[in-house]
Amino acid sequence: MKKFDPRTRIIIVFLISSAALMIRQLAPLLSLLLLTLILCKLFSIPLLGSIKKLKKLWYFFFVLALVQSIFTSGGETLVSIGSFRLLTTLGLQSGISIITRMSIIIYSALIIASAPPLEIVYGLIAMKLPYEIAFMVLLAMKFLPLIKEEFSDSIIAVQLAGADLDKIPMKRKLSLYTYILTPSVIKALHRARYISLSMECRGFRAYPSRTNYCKLKMKRADYMAMLATAVCLLIITV
């Protein structure tokens, strides 16, 4: 795989996400999903592993699509209860469109998530974004996995203590999750405080601009990838 400039990833994801939000018809959305999957293969993203990691999100998307299809009227009736039309062709199309649009946004986000966070920061700074905001993005990309890991460790600790989360009533389970989440958030806040003190000691924001050891340079492959993506999006949307 060619090593693309991080700005190429950012621009491609911006184009795909914008197109996914603007396109309303199902057929162009499916074509855009196919283009997104091809780009994921181009950036060497393991699609099967990503599907397994996002398995819980697909349940939520399916429920969201089902609700959307039920409350969207129009078209021929597929399922009805008495005089109430439970599912119509237009509602089914609307539900499939939601799942497709969410899939496009998630898989396009993986193009950025698969890159090292520091490279994304360099790309944002090279695109004239204030370096303070770029470092906020870096901290967010580093903090979210840490919070998830601490929350998972707390869940495992509760299970090792003998609590069976599958048999606990929903009300008690929500209360238990609240007690677990609170120390995880407090630890994250303490860690953020230490990081802010460290950045201040290193002179962060002492000058209006910062120099970087890494110097980015767009190559021919980057321009070709962005141009091919833009042309494909133009063909899909027209």
Protein backbone atom coordinates (compact mmCIF):
# COMPACT_ATOMS: atom_id res chain seq x y z
CA MET A 1 0.00 0.00 0.00
CA LYS A 2 1.24 3.48 -0.80
CA LYS A 3 1.73 5.77 2.17
CA PHE A 4 -0.73 8.58 1.64
CA ASP A 5 -0.49 12.04 3.09
CA PRO A 6 -2.84 12.48 6.10
CA ARG A 7 -4.45 15.44 4.32
CA THR A 8 -5.54 13.02 1.61
CA ARG A 9 -7.39 10.93 4.17
CA ILE A 10 -9.04 13.99 5.73
CA ILE A 11 -10.21 15.43 2.41
CA ILE A 12 -11.51 12.09 1.13
CA VAL A 13 -13.46 11.47 4.36
CA PHE A 14 -14.89 14.99 4.21
CA LEU A 15 -16.07 14.47 0.62
CA ILE A 16 -17.62 11.07 1.32
CA SER A 17 -19.35 12.16 4.54
CA SER A 18 -20.75 15.29 2.90
CA ALA A 19 -22.06 13.25 -0.03
CA ALA A 20 -23.65 10.70 2.34
CA LEU A 21 -25.58 13.47 4.08
CA MET A 22 -26.72 15.16 0.87
CA ILE A 23 -27.78 12.12 -1.17
CA ARG A 24 -31.39 11.05 -0.56
CA GLN A 25 -31.97 8.30 -3.14
CA LEU A 26 -31.16 4.70 -2.23
CA ALA A 27 -29.34 3.69 -5.43
CA PRO A 28 -26.69 6.47 -5.22
CA LEU A 29 -26.23 5.68 -1.52
CA LEU A 30 -25.49 2.04 -2.32
CA SER A 31 -23.01 3.14 -4.98
CA LEU A 32 -21.38 5.47 -2.46
CA LEU A 33 -21.13 2.61 0.04
CA LEU A 34 -19.38 0.49 -2.58
CA LEU A 35 -16.95 3.35 -3.27
CA THR A 36 -16.27 3.70 0.46
CA LEU A 37 -15.49 -0.01 0.79
CA ILE A 38 -13.11 0.19 -2.17
CA LEU A 39 -11.32 3.13 -0.54
CA CYS A 40 -11.09 1.19 2.73
CA LYS A 41 -9.35 -1.63 0.87
CA LEU A 42 -7.06 0.94 -0.76
CA PHE A 43 -6.04 2.17 2.71
CA SER A 44 -5.62 -1.47 3.92
CA ILE A 45 -8.44 -1.38 6.46
CA PRO A 46 -9.61 -4.88 7.56
CA LEU A 47 -13.32 -4.77 6.81
CA LEU A 48 -14.29 -8.05 8.49
CA GLY A 49 -12.54 -7.09 11.72
CA SER A 50 -14.22 -3.69 11.67
CA ILE A 51 -17.66 -5.28 11.22
CA LYS A 52 -17.08 -7.51 14.25
CA LYS A 53 -15.92 -4.57 16.39
CA LEU A 54 -18.99 -2.53 15.44
CA LYS A 55 -21.41 -5.42 15.94
CA LYS A 56 -23.29 -3.70 18.78
CA LEU A 57 -23.78 -0.57 16.69
CA TRP A 58 -25.46 -2.55 13.93
CA TYR A 59 -28.22 -3.62 16.36
CA PHE A 60 -28.87 0.03 17.13
CA PHE A 61 -28.91 0.92 13.43
CA PHE A 62 -31.32 -1.91 12.71
CA VAL A 63 -33.72 -0.70 15.41
CA LEU A 64 -33.40 2.88 14.15
CA ALA A 65 -34.14 1.76 10.60
CA LEU A 66 -37.12 -0.30 11.77
CA VAL A 67 -38.60 2.69 13.63
CA GLN A 68 -38.00 4.94 10.62
CA SER A 69 -39.65 2.46 8.27
CA ILE A 70 -42.70 2.11 10.54
CA PHE A 71 -43.30 5.84 10.88
CA THR A 72 -42.72 6.63 7.20
CA SER A 73 -45.94 6.33 5.24
CA GLY A 74 -46.31 6.02 1.50
CA GLY A 75 -46.00 3.37 -1.16
CA GLU A 76 -47.51 -0.09 -1.16
CA THR A 77 -48.37 -1.86 2.08
CA LEU A 78 -46.11 -4.79 3.00
CA VAL A 79 -47.25 -5.52 6.57
CA SER A 80 -50.46 -4.29 8.15
CA ILE A 81 -52.44 -4.85 11.35
CA GLY A 82 -56.08 -4.26 10.55
CA SER A 83 -56.33 -0.86 8.94
CA PHE A 84 -52.97 0.25 10.35
CA ARG A 85 -50.14 0.02 7.82
CA LEU A 86 -47.16 -1.22 9.80
CA LEU A 87 -44.62 -1.38 6.97
CA THR A 88 -44.69 0.12 3.49
CA THR A 89 -42.33 0.04 0.53
CA LEU A 90 -41.39 3.70 1.07
CA GLY A 91 -40.79 3.06 4.77
CA LEU A 92 -38.60 0.04 4.00
CA GLN A 93 -36.61 2.10 1.52
CA SER A 94 -36.18 4.84 4.13
CA GLY A 95 -34.93 2.33 6.71
CA ILE A 96 -32.42 0.81 4.30
CA SER A 97 -31.22 4.31 3.40
CA ILE A 98 -30.51 5.07 7.06
CA ILE A 99 -28.47 1.88 7.51
CA THR A 100 -26.55 2.59 4.30
CA ARG A 101 -25.85 6.20 5.27
CA MET A 102 -24.63 5.21 8.74
CA SER A 103 -22.40 2.51 7.22
CA ILE A 104 -20.85 5.03 4.83
CA ILE A 105 -20.07 7.47 7.64
CA ILE A 106 -18.59 4.76 9.89
CA TYR A 107 -16.41 3.17 7.20
CA SER A 108 -15.22 6.56 6.00
CA ALA A 109 -14.28 7.45 9.57
CA LEU A 110 -12.17 4.28 9.71
CA ILE A 111 -9.98 5.77 6.98
CA ILE A 112 -8.89 8.45 9.47
CA ALA A 113 -8.94 6.17 12.52
CA SER A 114 -6.53 3.72 10.85
CA ALA A 115 -3.85 6.42 10.59
CA PRO A 116 -1.53 7.28 13.51
CA PRO A 117 -3.10 10.12 15.53
CA LEU A 118 0.02 12.27 15.33
CA GLU A 119 -0.04 12.16 11.53
CA ILE A 120 -3.63 13.40 11.55
CA VAL A 121 -2.54 16.29 13.77
CA TYR A 122 0.26 17.16 11.34
CA GLY A 123 -2.27 17.05 8.52
CA LEU A 124 -4.68 19.39 10.30
CA ILE A 125 -1.88 21.84 11.07
CA ALA A 126 -0.72 21.70 7.44
CA MET A 127 -4.30 22.59 6.43
CA LYS A 128 -3.91 25.84 8.43
CA LEU A 129 -6.07 24.68 11.32
CA PRO A 130 -4.99 26.30 14.63
CA TYR A 131 -2.60 23.95 16.36
CA GLU A 132 -4.59 24.22 19.61
CA ILE A 133 -7.61 22.60 17.91
CA ALA A 134 -5.34 20.02 16.26
CA PHE A 135 -3.97 18.99 19.66
CA MET A 136 -7.52 18.79 21.03
CA VAL A 137 -8.26 16.27 18.29
CA LEU A 138 -5.13 14.33 19.24
CA LEU A 139 -6.11 14.20 22.91
CA ALA A 140 -9.65 13.10 22.03
CA MET A 141 -8.32 10.28 19.85
CA LYS A 142 -6.07 9.13 22.68
CA PHE A 143 -8.53 9.59 25.56
CA LEU A 144 -11.56 7.75 24.21
CA PRO A 145 -9.79 4.35 24.03
CA LEU A 146 -8.39 4.90 27.54
CA ILE A 147 -11.84 5.63 28.98
CA LYS A 148 -13.25 2.58 27.22
CA GLU A 149 -10.43 0.41 28.60
CA GLU A 150 -10.94 1.66 32.17
CA PHE A 151 -14.69 1.09 31.91
CA SER A 152 -14.13 -2.45 30.61
CA ASP A 153 -11.71 -3.15 33.48
CA SER A 154 -14.31 -1.95 35.99
CA ILE A 155 -16.96 -4.21 34.40
CA ILE A 156 -14.60 -7.20 34.62
CA ALA A 157 -13.84 -6.39 38.26
CA VAL A 158 -17.55 -6.34 39.10
CA GLN A 159 -18.07 -9.67 37.33
CA LEU A 160 -15.13 -11.23 39.17
CA ALA A 161 -16.70 -10.07 42.42
CA GLY A 162 -19.67 -12.34 41.65
CA ALA A 163 -22.16 -9.98 39.98
CA ASP A 164 -24.02 -11.54 37.05
CA LEU A 165 -24.94 -8.57 34.86
CA ASP A 166 -27.23 -10.68 32.69
CA LYS A 167 -29.52 -11.54 35.62
CA ILE A 168 -29.60 -8.13 37.28
CA PRO A 169 -32.82 -6.12 36.65
CA MET A 170 -32.50 -3.22 34.26
CA LYS A 171 -33.01 -0.55 36.95
CA ARG A 172 -30.25 -1.96 39.14
CA LYS A 173 -28.02 -2.49 36.12
CA LEU A 174 -28.30 1.20 35.15
CA SER A 175 -27.48 2.19 38.72
CA LEU A 176 -24.48 -0.15 38.69
CA TYR A 177 -23.22 1.33 35.43
CA THR A 178 -23.49 4.79 36.97
CA TYR A 179 -21.31 3.75 39.89
CA ILE A 180 -18.79 2.19 37.50
CA LEU A 181 -18.71 5.15 35.12
CA THR A 182 -18.13 7.78 37.82
CA PRO A 183 -14.61 6.67 38.88
CA SER A 184 -13.62 6.17 35.24
CA VAL A 185 -14.59 9.76 34.43
CA ILE A 186 -12.78 11.05 37.53
CA LYS A 187 -9.60 9.18 36.53
CA ALA A 188 -9.86 10.66 33.06
CA LEU A 189 -10.22 14.17 34.48
CA HIS A 190 -7.17 13.68 36.71
CA ARG A 191 -5.19 12.44 33.73
CA ALA A 192 -6.32 15.43 31.65
CA ARG A 193 -5.14 17.74 34.44
CA TYR A 194 -1.69 16.14 34.48
CA ILE A 195 -1.46 16.42 30.69
CA SER A 196 -2.45 20.10 30.76
CA LEU A 197 0.20 20.82 33.41
CA SER A 198 2.80 18.98 31.36
CA MET A 199 1.87 20.95 28.23
CA GLU A 200 2.09 24.24 30.12
CA CYS A 201 5.53 23.29 31.46
CA ARG A 202 6.63 22.63 27.87
CA GLY A 203 5.49 26.09 26.79
CA PHE A 204 2.31 25.14 24.94
CA ARG A 205 0.67 28.25 23.40
CA ALA A 206 3.67 30.36 24.40
CA TYR A 207 4.06 31.37 20.73
CA PRO A 208 1.46 31.94 18.02
CA SER A 209 2.89 29.11 15.89
CA ARG A 210 4.80 25.89 16.42
CA THR A 211 7.38 24.12 14.32
CA ASN A 212 7.16 20.39 13.56
CA TYR A 213 9.87 17.87 12.91
CA CYS A 214 7.66 16.14 10.36
CA LYS A 215 7.26 18.02 7.07
CA LEU A 216 4.38 16.83 4.91
CA LYS A 217 4.53 16.87 1.14
CA MET A 218 1.73 15.87 -1.21
CA LYS A 219 2.73 13.30 -3.83
CA ARG A 220 1.26 12.35 -7.17
CA ALA A 221 -0.59 9.40 -5.65
CA ASP A 222 -2.34 11.76 -3.19
CA TYR A 223 -3.61 14.03 -5.94
CA MET A 224 -4.71 11.05 -8.02
CA ALA A 225 -6.62 9.52 -5.08
CA MET A 226 -8.44 12.79 -4.30
CA LEU A 227 -9.21 13.43 -7.97
CA ALA A 228 -10.52 9.90 -8.52
CA THR A 229 -12.71 10.17 -5.42
CA ALA A 230 -14.12 13.54 -6.52
CA VAL A 231 -14.87 12.23 -10.03
CA CYS A 232 -16.59 9.11 -8.66
CA LEU A 233 -18.69 11.24 -6.29
CA LEU A 234 -19.65 13.52 -9.17
CA ILE A 235 -20.75 10.53 -11.25
CA ILE A 236 -22.77 9.10 -8.32
CA THR A 237 -24.54 12.32 -7.41
CA VAL A 238 -25.35 13.49 -10.95
